[in-house]
Amino acid sequence: MTSLDSAPERAGVSPPADISKPGDRVAQGATVHHGLQVTAAYAWRVIIVAAAVYLLFAVLAKLTLVAVAVFVGLVITACYARWSTSSHTRSPEVCPSR
C-alpha cells in the first residue's frame, strides 16, 4: 500500500536530491532564515489588507457626493414632515419640534 503523499517511483529512477519532501519547511540547501520567511509571510498579508482598505476608500470617495445628497434630502424631508403636520397657528419655524 502506498502513501497518498508520495508518488510511485519508477524502477531505476530516483527522485532529484534538491526537491523538498511534503512537510519540509525549507528546501534543502536554502539559505533563507526562518525569521525572514515569517516576516515575508506577514508582509504579504499587510499588502493585501492595505490594498483592500485602499479600494474601500476609493469606492467611498466615489459615493461621497451621493451620500451627502441623500442625507441632506432626508433632513429636509424630516423637517418638512414635522412642519406640515404641526399647528399652523404659531409662526412657522425652520424645523419645529413637537
Protein backbone atom coordinates (compact mmCIF):
# COMPACT_ATOMS: atom_id res chain seq x y z
CA MET A 1 0.00 0.00 0.00
CA THR A 2 1.37 3.42 -0.96
CA SER A 3 1.01 6.69 0.86
CA LEU A 4 -1.12 9.43 -0.66
CA ASP A 5 1.68 11.95 -0.08
CA SER A 6 4.28 10.18 -2.16
CA ALA A 7 4.19 9.45 -5.87
CA PRO A 8 5.06 5.92 -7.01
CA GLU A 9 8.67 5.60 -8.07
CA ARG A 10 9.56 4.05 -11.38
CA ALA A 11 12.11 1.27 -11.41
CA GLY A 12 15.65 2.51 -11.84
CA VAL A 13 14.75 6.21 -11.49
CA SER A 14 15.43 8.08 -8.27
CA PRO A 15 13.93 11.47 -7.43
CA PRO A 16 16.22 14.52 -7.63
CA ALA A 17 18.03 15.28 -4.39
CA ASP A 18 17.23 19.01 -4.38
CA ILE A 19 13.42 18.65 -4.26
CA SER A 20 11.85 19.02 -0.84
CA LYS A 21 9.51 16.41 0.50
CA PRO A 22 5.94 17.26 1.59
CA GLY A 23 6.02 18.67 5.09
CA ASP A 24 9.54 20.16 4.77
CA ARG A 25 9.51 23.82 5.76
CA VAL A 26 12.55 24.83 3.70
CA ALA A 27 14.04 23.12 0.68
CA GLN A 28 17.41 21.51 1.28
CA GLY A 29 20.24 23.92 0.64
CA ALA A 30 18.10 27.04 1.09
CA THR A 31 19.79 29.86 2.96
CA VAL A 32 16.71 31.88 3.90
CA HIS A 33 16.42 32.43 7.63
CA HIS A 34 13.18 31.36 9.31
CA GLY A 35 12.60 34.90 10.65
CA LEU A 36 12.80 36.28 7.13
CA GLN A 37 10.24 33.74 5.93
CA VAL A 38 7.83 34.71 8.72
CA THR A 39 8.36 38.41 8.02
CA ALA A 40 7.71 37.89 4.30
CA ALA A 41 4.51 35.98 5.07
CA TYR A 42 3.22 38.81 7.26
CA ALA A 43 4.31 41.42 4.69
CA TRP A 44 2.12 39.83 2.02
CA ARG A 45 -0.83 39.87 4.39
CA VAL A 46 -0.24 43.54 5.22
CA ILE A 47 -0.03 44.39 1.50
CA ILE A 48 -3.33 42.62 0.82
CA VAL A 49 -5.07 44.35 3.74
CA ALA A 50 -3.69 47.74 2.64
CA ALA A 51 -4.96 47.15 -0.91
CA ALA A 52 -8.41 46.23 0.42
CA VAL A 53 -8.53 49.38 2.59
CA TYR A 54 -7.44 51.50 -0.38
CA LEU A 55 -10.19 50.02 -2.57
CA LEU A 56 -12.76 50.61 0.19
CA PHE A 57 -11.79 54.28 0.49
CA ALA A 58 -11.73 54.66 -3.30
CA VAL A 59 -15.30 53.36 -3.52
CA LEU A 60 -16.40 55.55 -0.61
CA ALA A 61 -14.82 58.59 -2.26
CA LYS A 62 -16.92 57.95 -5.37
CA LEU A 63 -20.07 57.63 -3.27
CA THR A 64 -19.50 60.67 -1.04
CA LEU A 65 -21.45 63.07 -3.23
CA VAL A 66 -24.40 60.70 -3.43
CA ALA A 67 -24.33 60.00 0.32
CA VAL A 68 -24.28 63.70 1.22
CA ALA A 69 -27.15 64.44 -1.16
CA VAL A 70 -29.26 61.62 0.29
CA PHE A 71 -28.51 62.76 3.86
CA VAL A 72 -29.47 66.37 3.12
CA GLY A 73 -32.62 65.17 1.38
CA LEU A 74 -33.61 63.10 4.41
CA VAL A 75 -33.03 66.02 6.80
CA ILE A 76 -35.11 68.37 4.64
CA THR A 77 -37.87 65.77 4.35
CA ALA A 78 -37.93 65.19 8.11
CA CYS A 79 -38.12 68.92 8.82
CA TYR A 80 -40.87 69.41 6.23
CA ALA A 81 -42.88 66.48 7.60
CA ARG A 82 -42.80 67.97 11.10
CA TRP A 83 -43.59 71.44 9.81
CA SER A 84 -46.50 70.29 7.65
CA THR A 85 -48.14 68.29 10.46
CA SER A 86 -47.66 70.89 13.18
CA SER A 87 -50.21 73.51 14.05
CA HIS A 88 -50.15 76.49 11.70
CA THR A 89 -51.43 78.88 14.33
CA ARG A 90 -47.99 79.78 15.55
CA SER A 91 -45.22 81.23 13.39
CA PRO A 92 -43.50 78.65 11.18
CA GLU A 93 -40.03 77.58 12.23
CA VAL A 94 -37.34 76.04 10.09
CA CYS A 95 -37.55 72.67 11.81
CA PRO A 96 -40.07 72.86 14.65
CA SER A 97 -40.18 70.28 17.41
CA ARG A 98 -43.42 68.72 18.58
